[in-house]
Amino acid sequence: MKHALPAGMSGRRVDTHTLIVVSRDGTASMESSSCTEKQRCVPLDECAACVSFGGHGTSAWVVCTALADDGDAAAPSHTDEPSVRTILTREVVCVREQLTLTEVVGVLVEYGVNGVPVVDAHTRLIGLVTKTDIVAAVGRGVPLEQVVVGEVMVRHAITILESSSISRAAAIMAFKRVHRLPVLSDEGCVVGIVSAMDVLQEISDRKGYLMPPHSLPLRGRARQR
């Protein structure tokens, strides 16, 4: 699907996302976009100050004039199947590796999720911590307030690029027996979460099946589960 830019705009459309990052210094909500030039995600105010900023159409995307308009780069050339970026959850709760497991328990409870990505200062993914890691620590008799995320997180987390196809996401989840995948930009930054329910909803919608309201996937934070 090609996203036509409004009249007067030139460049490439770049989607934005919101990260809720929890650290020892508190919780920060950051709306960002992936910057190919800087090879990292940048806050929108930094993006807007760049000479290549070409404006924005909605709060969901901006225009970068340093990039050529290639339509929807997310769609593989050999198929009309939409990409992961069309179904992912763009509000993602993340934590820093210095957080204790006691603090992580509070994050999981507050946001109603079973696991969270661990990111560095540039929001690049460095790991994943889940309730399974916490249960394992409890089983070893280790006080949770004495263990930090960096000591127990999975450093080689299973991920997927936002430009990948939805069927690829489904195949990875089935093969690896996982229910959610952190979604990364080409720069390695976390830009969202895609769940098995997101994939099932997309398949159902594409096939024209109607679903009762109570079976629709929850929106926003809860979809990160």
C-alpha atoms as a PDB file:
ATOM      1  CA  MET A   1       0.000   0.000   0.000  1.00  0.00           C
ATOM      2  CA  LYS A   2       1.479   3.308  -1.066  1.00  0.00           C
ATOM      3  CA  HIS A   3       1.071   6.259   1.282  1.00  0.00           C
ATOM      4  CA  ALA A   4       0.692   9.393  -0.841  1.00  0.00           C
ATOM      5  CA  LEU A   5       2.041  12.535   0.791  1.00  0.00           C
ATOM      6  CA  PRO A   6      -0.098  15.686   0.943  1.00  0.00           C
ATOM      7  CA  ALA A   7       0.481  18.301  -1.763  1.00  0.00           C
ATOM      8  CA  GLY A   8       3.580  20.360  -1.092  1.00  0.00           C
ATOM      9  CA  MET A   9       5.394  17.621   0.832  1.00  0.00           C
ATOM     10  CA  SER A  10       8.350  15.730  -0.596  1.00  0.00           C
ATOM     11  CA  GLY A  11      10.439  12.970   0.941  1.00  0.00           C
ATOM     12  CA  ARG A  12       9.469   9.783   2.712  1.00  0.00           C
ATOM     13  CA  ARG A  13       6.849   9.186   5.345  1.00  0.00           C
ATOM     14  CA  VAL A  14       8.350   7.885   8.624  1.00  0.00           C
ATOM     15  CA  ASP A  15       6.027   6.434  11.260  1.00  0.00           C
ATOM     16  CA  THR A  16       6.287   7.617  14.852  1.00  0.00           C
ATOM     17  CA  HIS A  17       5.896   5.593  18.040  1.00  0.00           C
ATOM     18  CA  THR A  18       5.600   6.165  21.772  1.00  0.00           C
ATOM     19  CA  LEU A  19       7.910   4.515  24.284  1.00  0.00           C
ATOM     20  CA  ILE A  20       7.160   4.523  27.990  1.00  0.00           C
ATOM     21  CA  VAL A  21      10.617   3.967  29.465  1.00  0.00           C
ATOM     22  CA  VAL A  22      10.889   3.092  33.163  1.00  0.00           C
ATOM     23  CA  SER A  23      14.265   3.651  34.837  1.00  0.00           C
ATOM     24  CA  ARG A  24      15.656   4.278  38.318  1.00  0.00           C
ATOM     25  CA  ASP A  25      15.119   7.984  37.669  1.00  0.00           C
ATOM     26  CA  GLY A  26      11.408   7.569  37.015  1.00  0.00           C
ATOM     27  CA  THR A  27       9.096   7.041  34.049  1.00  0.00           C
ATOM     28  CA  ALA A  28       9.427   8.977  30.819  1.00  0.00           C
ATOM     29  CA  SER A  29       7.063   8.906  27.856  1.00  0.00           C
ATOM     30  CA  MET A  30       8.844   9.671  24.597  1.00  0.00           C
ATOM     31  CA  GLU A  31       7.318  10.077  21.156  1.00  0.00           C
ATOM     32  CA  SER A  32       9.992   9.215  18.612  1.00  0.00           C
ATOM     33  CA  SER A  33      10.803   8.404  15.029  1.00  0.00           C
ATOM     34  CA  SER A  34      13.566   6.231  13.563  1.00  0.00           C
ATOM     35  CA  CYS A  35      16.336   8.319  12.027  1.00  0.00           C
ATOM     36  CA  THR A  36      18.267   6.584   9.248  1.00  0.00           C
ATOM     37  CA  GLU A  37      20.851   9.349   9.174  1.00  0.00           C
ATOM     38  CA  LYS A  38      21.672   9.147  12.906  1.00  0.00           C
ATOM     39  CA  GLN A  39      21.116   5.371  13.080  1.00  0.00           C
ATOM     40  CA  ARG A  40      18.934   5.663  16.161  1.00  0.00           C
ATOM     41  CA  CYS A  41      15.503   6.760  17.302  1.00  0.00           C
ATOM     42  CA  VAL A  42      15.169  10.459  18.046  1.00  0.00           C
ATOM     43  CA  PRO A  43      12.545  12.413  20.016  1.00  0.00           C
ATOM     44  CA  LEU A  44      10.119  14.281  17.793  1.00  0.00           C
ATOM     45  CA  ASP A  45      11.374  17.682  18.959  1.00  0.00           C
ATOM     46  CA  GLU A  46      14.879  16.704  17.824  1.00  0.00           C
ATOM     47  CA  CYS A  47      13.422  15.421  14.558  1.00  0.00           C
ATOM     48  CA  ALA A  48      11.544  18.692  14.022  1.00  0.00           C
ATOM     49  CA  ALA A  49      14.755  20.681  14.543  1.00  0.00           C
ATOM     50  CA  CYS A  50      16.573  18.753  11.792  1.00  0.00           C
ATOM     51  CA  VAL A  51      17.176  20.408   8.411  1.00  0.00           C
ATOM     52  CA  SER A  52      15.632  17.334   6.762  1.00  0.00           C
ATOM     53  CA  PHE A  53      12.326  17.648   8.625  1.00  0.00           C
ATOM     54  CA  GLY A  54       9.612  18.043   6.006  1.00  0.00           C
ATOM     55  CA  GLY A  55       6.609  18.448   8.272  1.00  0.00           C
ATOM     56  CA  HIS A  56       3.988  15.980   9.445  1.00  0.00           C
ATOM     57  CA  GLY A  57       0.494  15.038   8.463  1.00  0.00           C
ATOM     58  CA  THR A  58      -0.762  13.515  11.719  1.00  0.00           C
ATOM     59  CA  SER A  59       0.719  12.602  15.085  1.00  0.00           C
ATOM     60  CA  ALA A  60       1.413   9.130  13.639  1.00  0.00           C
ATOM     61  CA  TRP A  61       4.042  10.117  11.054  1.00  0.00           C
ATOM     62  CA  VAL A  62       6.517  12.728   9.899  1.00  0.00           C
ATOM     63  CA  VAL A  63       8.205  13.419   6.574  1.00  0.00           C
ATOM     64  CA  CYS A  64      11.973  13.145   6.086  1.00  0.00           C
ATOM     65  CA  THR A  65      13.255  15.010   3.018  1.00  0.00           C
ATOM     66  CA  ALA A  66      16.620  13.227   3.199  1.00  0.00           C
ATOM     67  CA  LEU A  67      14.884  10.013   2.115  1.00  0.00           C
ATOM     68  CA  ALA A  68      13.456   9.303  -1.317  1.00  0.00           C
ATOM     69  CA  ASP A  69       9.743   8.545  -1.515  1.00  0.00           C
ATOM     70  CA  ASP A  70       9.568   4.822  -2.183  1.00  0.00           C
ATOM     71  CA  GLY A  71       5.906   4.346  -1.393  1.00  0.00           C
ATOM     72  CA  ASP A  72       5.318   1.693   1.223  1.00  0.00           C
ATOM     73  CA  ALA A  73       8.749   0.147   1.743  1.00  0.00           C
ATOM     74  CA  ALA A  74       7.184  -2.217   4.244  1.00  0.00           C
ATOM     75  CA  ALA A  75       5.404  -4.324   1.647  1.00  0.00           C
ATOM     76  CA  PRO A  76       7.518  -7.146   0.197  1.00  0.00           C
ATOM     77  CA  SER A  77       7.763  -6.849  -3.573  1.00  0.00           C
ATOM     78  CA  HIS A  78       6.493 -10.363  -4.194  1.00  0.00           C
ATOM     79  CA  THR A  79       3.251 -10.131  -2.280  1.00  0.00           C
ATOM     80  CA  ASP A  80       0.397  -7.792  -1.457  1.00  0.00           C
ATOM     81  CA  GLU A  81       0.474  -8.891   2.172  1.00  0.00           C
ATOM     82  CA  PRO A  82       0.738  -5.935   4.558  1.00  0.00           C
ATOM     83  CA  SER A  83       3.730  -5.594   6.835  1.00  0.00           C
ATOM     84  CA  VAL A  84       4.046  -5.911  10.599  1.00  0.00           C
ATOM     85  CA  ARG A  85       4.051  -2.104  10.937  1.00  0.00           C
ATOM     86  CA  THR A  86       0.363  -2.080   9.938  1.00  0.00           C
ATOM     87  CA  ILE A  87      -0.754  -4.105  12.979  1.00  0.00           C
ATOM     88  CA  LEU A  88       1.817  -3.492  15.718  1.00  0.00           C
ATOM     89  CA  THR A  89       1.115  -1.649  18.957  1.00  0.00           C
ATOM     90  CA  ARG A  90       3.034   1.638  18.833  1.00  0.00           C
ATOM     91  CA  GLU A  91       2.821   2.440  22.546  1.00  0.00           C
ATOM     92  CA  VAL A  92       5.398   0.208  24.224  1.00  0.00           C
ATOM     93  CA  VAL A  93       6.448  -0.088  27.848  1.00  0.00           C
ATOM     94  CA  CYS A  94      10.223  -0.588  28.195  1.00  0.00           C
ATOM     95  CA  VAL A  95      12.671  -0.708  31.111  1.00  0.00           C
ATOM     96  CA  ARG A  96      16.352   0.012  31.699  1.00  0.00           C
ATOM     97  CA  GLU A  97      18.714  -2.772  32.733  1.00  0.00           C
ATOM     98  CA  GLN A  98      19.529  -1.097  36.081  1.00  0.00           C
ATOM     99  CA  LEU A  99      15.973  -1.617  37.390  1.00  0.00           C
ATOM    100  CA  THR A 100      15.567  -4.212  40.168  1.00  0.00           C
ATOM    101  CA  LEU A 101      13.189  -7.133  39.718  1.00  0.00           C
ATOM    102  CA  THR A 102      11.037  -5.722  42.518  1.00  0.00           C
ATOM    103  CA  GLU A 103      10.582  -2.591  40.414  1.00  0.00           C
ATOM    104  CA  VAL A 104       9.891  -4.674  37.305  1.00  0.00           C
ATOM    105  CA  VAL A 105       7.100  -6.505  39.143  1.00  0.00           C
ATOM    106  CA  GLY A 106       5.509  -3.104  39.756  1.00  0.00           C
ATOM    107  CA  VAL A 107       5.803  -2.249  36.049  1.00  0.00           C
ATOM    108  CA  LEU A 108       4.216  -5.523  34.934  1.00  0.00           C
ATOM    109  CA  VAL A 109       1.333  -5.075  37.365  1.00  0.00           C
ATOM    110  CA  GLU A 110       0.779  -1.390  36.575  1.00  0.00           C
ATOM    111  CA  TYR A 111       0.669  -1.879  32.813  1.00  0.00           C
ATOM    112  CA  GLY A 112      -0.922  -5.337  32.798  1.00  0.00           C
ATOM    113  CA  VAL A 113       1.807  -7.019  30.722  1.00  0.00           C
ATOM    114  CA  ASN A 114       3.777 -10.248  31.080  1.00  0.00           C
ATOM    115  CA  GLY A 115       7.112  -8.979  29.806  1.00  0.00           C
ATOM    116  CA  VAL A 116       8.892  -5.830  28.668  1.00  0.00           C
ATOM    117  CA  PRO A 117      11.748  -4.972  26.296  1.00  0.00           C
ATOM    118  CA  VAL A 118      14.967  -3.696  27.854  1.00  0.00           C
ATOM    119  CA  VAL A 119      16.458  -0.708  26.014  1.00  0.00           C
ATOM    120  CA  ASP A 120      19.604   1.409  26.142  1.00  0.00           C
ATOM    121  CA  ALA A 121      19.857   5.208  26.142  1.00  0.00           C
ATOM    122  CA  HIS A 122      19.091   5.307  22.393  1.00  0.00           C
ATOM    123  CA  THR A 123      16.072   2.961  22.787  1.00  0.00           C
ATOM    124  CA  ARG A 124      17.930   0.145  21.054  1.00  0.00           C
ATOM    125  CA  LEU A 125      16.866  -3.286  22.237  1.00  0.00           C
ATOM    126  CA  ILE A 126      19.404  -5.008  24.505  1.00  0.00           C
ATOM    127  CA  GLY A 127      17.195  -7.704  26.018  1.00  0.00           C
ATOM    128  CA  LEU A 128      13.824  -8.864  27.267  1.00  0.00           C
ATOM    129  CA  VAL A 129      12.630  -9.532  30.817  1.00  0.00           C
ATOM    130  CA  THR A 130       9.443 -11.474  31.571  1.00  0.00           C
ATOM    131  CA  LYS A 131       7.516 -12.858  34.506  1.00  0.00           C
ATOM    132  CA  THR A 132       9.262 -16.185  33.840  1.00  0.00           C
ATOM    133  CA  ASP A 133      12.615 -14.588  34.714  1.00  0.00           C
ATOM    134  CA  ILE A 134      11.104 -13.241  37.932  1.00  0.00           C
ATOM    135  CA  VAL A 135       9.584 -16.597  38.894  1.00  0.00           C
ATOM    136  CA  ALA A 136      12.962 -18.252  38.251  1.00  0.00           C
ATOM    137  CA  ALA A 137      14.660 -15.789  40.610  1.00  0.00           C
ATOM    138  CA  VAL A 138      12.033 -16.451  43.267  1.00  0.00           C
ATOM    139  CA  GLY A 139      12.591 -20.190  42.835  1.00  0.00           C
ATOM    140  CA  ARG A 140      16.292 -19.708  43.543  1.00  0.00           C
ATOM    141  CA  GLY A 141      15.451 -17.886  46.750  1.00  0.00           C
ATOM    142  CA  VAL A 142      17.079 -14.658  45.580  1.00  0.00           C
ATOM    143  CA  PRO A 143      15.613 -11.425  47.056  1.00  0.00           C
ATOM    144  CA  LEU A 144      14.117  -9.583  44.066  1.00  0.00           C
ATOM    145  CA  GLU A 145      15.282  -6.212  45.360  1.00  0.00           C
ATOM    146  CA  GLN A 146      18.882  -7.441  45.101  1.00  0.00           C
ATOM    147  CA  VAL A 147      18.687  -8.506  41.452  1.00  0.00           C
ATOM    148  CA  VAL A 148      18.791  -6.059  38.545  1.00  0.00           C
ATOM    149  CA  VAL A 149      17.295  -6.643  35.110  1.00  0.00           C
ATOM    150  CA  GLY A 150      20.688  -6.824  33.420  1.00  0.00           C
ATOM    151  CA  GLU A 151      21.539  -9.948  35.409  1.00  0.00           C
ATOM    152  CA  VAL A 152      18.551 -12.038  34.345  1.00  0.00           C
ATOM    153  CA  MET A 153      17.216 -10.627  31.063  1.00  0.00           C
ATOM    154  CA  VAL A 154      17.313 -12.620  27.842  1.00  0.00           C
ATOM    155  CA  ARG A 155      20.003 -10.862  25.813  1.00  0.00           C
ATOM    156  CA  HIS A 156      19.278 -12.563  22.509  1.00  0.00           C
ATOM    157  CA  ALA A 157      15.583 -11.777  22.314  1.00  0.00           C
ATOM    158  CA  ILE A 158      13.525 -13.012  19.380  1.00  0.00           C
ATOM    159  CA  THR A 159      12.483  -9.978  17.359  1.00  0.00           C
ATOM    160  CA  ILE A 160      11.121  -8.950  13.996  1.00  0.00           C
ATOM    161  CA  LEU A 161      11.633  -5.930  11.733  1.00  0.00           C
ATOM    162  CA  GLU A 162       8.664  -3.644  11.177  1.00  0.00           C
ATOM    163  CA  SER A 163       9.131  -4.102   7.417  1.00  0.00           C
ATOM    164  CA  SER A 164       8.644  -7.891   7.672  1.00  0.00           C
ATOM    165  CA  SER A 165       5.455  -9.573   6.517  1.00  0.00           C
ATOM    166  CA  ILE A 166       2.711 -10.585   8.924  1.00  0.00           C
ATOM    167  CA  SER A 167       3.058 -14.225   7.851  1.00  0.00           C
ATOM    168  CA  ARG A 168       6.744 -14.100   8.811  1.00  0.00           C
ATOM    169  CA  ALA A 169       5.757 -12.842  12.264  1.00  0.00           C
ATOM    170  CA  ALA A 170       3.294 -15.723  12.561  1.00  0.00           C
ATOM    171  CA  ALA A 171       5.930 -18.247  11.472  1.00  0.00           C
ATOM    172  CA  ILE A 172       8.480 -16.959  13.998  1.00  0.00           C
ATOM    173  CA  MET A 173       5.979 -17.045  16.868  1.00  0.00           C
ATOM    174  CA  ALA A 174       4.875 -20.574  15.958  1.00  0.00           C
ATOM    175  CA  PHE A 175       8.443 -21.868  15.512  1.00  0.00           C
ATOM    176  CA  LYS A 176       9.787 -20.255  18.680  1.00  0.00           C
ATOM    177  CA  ARG A 177       6.637 -20.895  20.754  1.00  0.00           C
ATOM    178  CA  VAL A 178       6.260 -17.246  21.795  1.00  0.00           C
ATOM    179  CA  HIS A 179       3.158 -15.050  21.906  1.00  0.00           C
ATOM    180  CA  ARG A 180       4.681 -11.641  21.228  1.00  0.00           C
ATOM    181  CA  LEU A 181       7.648 -10.112  19.430  1.00  0.00           C
ATOM    182  CA  PRO A 182       9.413  -6.789  19.967  1.00  0.00           C
ATOM    183  CA  VAL A 183       9.330  -4.932  16.644  1.00  0.00           C
ATOM    184  CA  LEU A 184      12.507  -3.140  15.562  1.00  0.00           C
ATOM    185  CA  SER A 185      13.356  -0.449  13.053  1.00  0.00           C
ATOM    186  CA  ASP A 186      16.247  -0.954  10.645  1.00  0.00           C
ATOM    187  CA  GLU A 187      18.346   0.990  13.175  1.00  0.00           C
ATOM    188  CA  GLY A 188      17.646  -1.590  15.899  1.00  0.00           C
ATOM    189  CA  CYS A 189      15.307   0.640  17.909  1.00  0.00           C
ATOM    190  CA  VAL A 190      12.139  -0.669  19.526  1.00  0.00           C
ATOM    191  CA  VAL A 191       9.161   0.763  17.632  1.00  0.00           C
ATOM    192  CA  GLY A 192       6.390  -1.530  18.796  1.00  0.00           C
ATOM    193  CA  ILE A 193       5.116  -4.921  19.896  1.00  0.00           C
ATOM    194  CA  VAL A 194       3.223  -7.438  17.779  1.00  0.00           C
ATOM    195  CA  SER A 195       1.271 -10.231  19.436  1.00  0.00           C
ATOM    196  CA  ALA A 196      -0.290 -13.468  18.280  1.00  0.00           C
ATOM    197  CA  MET A 197      -3.701 -11.847  18.797  1.00  0.00           C
ATOM    198  CA  ASP A 198      -2.733  -9.005  16.455  1.00  0.00           C
ATOM    199  CA  VAL A 199      -1.867 -11.548  13.764  1.00  0.00           C
ATOM    200  CA  LEU A 200      -5.075 -13.543  14.286  1.00  0.00           C
ATOM    201  CA  GLN A 201      -7.165 -10.379  14.122  1.00  0.00           C
ATOM    202  CA  GLU A 202      -5.520  -9.358  10.849  1.00  0.00           C
ATOM    203  CA  ILE A 203      -6.112 -12.782   9.294  1.00  0.00           C
ATOM    204  CA  SER A 204      -9.763 -12.763  10.411  1.00  0.00           C
ATOM    205  CA  ASP A 205     -10.319  -9.261   9.054  1.00  0.00           C
ATOM    206  CA  ARG A 206      -8.670 -10.130   5.744  1.00  0.00           C
ATOM    207  CA  LYS A 207     -10.902 -13.169   5.319  1.00  0.00           C
ATOM    208  CA  GLY A 208     -14.020 -11.167   6.139  1.00  0.00           C
ATOM    209  CA  TYR A 209     -14.960 -12.889   9.380  1.00  0.00           C
ATOM    210  CA  LEU A 210     -17.038 -10.944  11.872  1.00  0.00           C
ATOM    211  CA  MET A 211     -16.039 -11.149  15.525  1.00  0.00           C
ATOM    212  CA  PRO A 212     -18.194 -10.292  18.546  1.00  0.00           C
ATOM    213  CA  PRO A 213     -16.983  -7.206  20.467  1.00  0.00           C
ATOM    214  CA  HIS A 214     -15.819  -9.225  23.507  1.00  0.00           C
ATOM    215  CA  SER A 215     -13.389 -11.225  21.343  1.00  0.00           C
ATOM    216  CA  LEU A 216     -11.704  -8.226  19.726  1.00  0.00           C
ATOM    217  CA  PRO A 217      -8.117  -7.652  20.866  1.00  0.00           C
ATOM    218  CA  LEU A 218      -7.616  -5.031  23.541  1.00  0.00           C
ATOM    219  CA  ARG A 219      -6.060  -1.795  22.348  1.00  0.00           C
ATOM    220  CA  GLY A 220      -3.178   0.214  23.720  1.00  0.00           C
ATOM    221  CA  ARG A 221      -1.071  -1.069  26.564  1.00  0.00           C
ATOM    222  CA  ALA A 222      -2.899  -4.343  27.146  1.00  0.00           C
ATOM    223  CA  ARG A 223      -2.011  -5.593  23.659  1.00  0.00           C
ATOM    224  CA  GLN A 224       1.635  -5.819  24.714  1.00  0.00           C
ATOM    225  CA  ARG A 225       0.848  -8.933  26.772  1.00  0.00           C
END
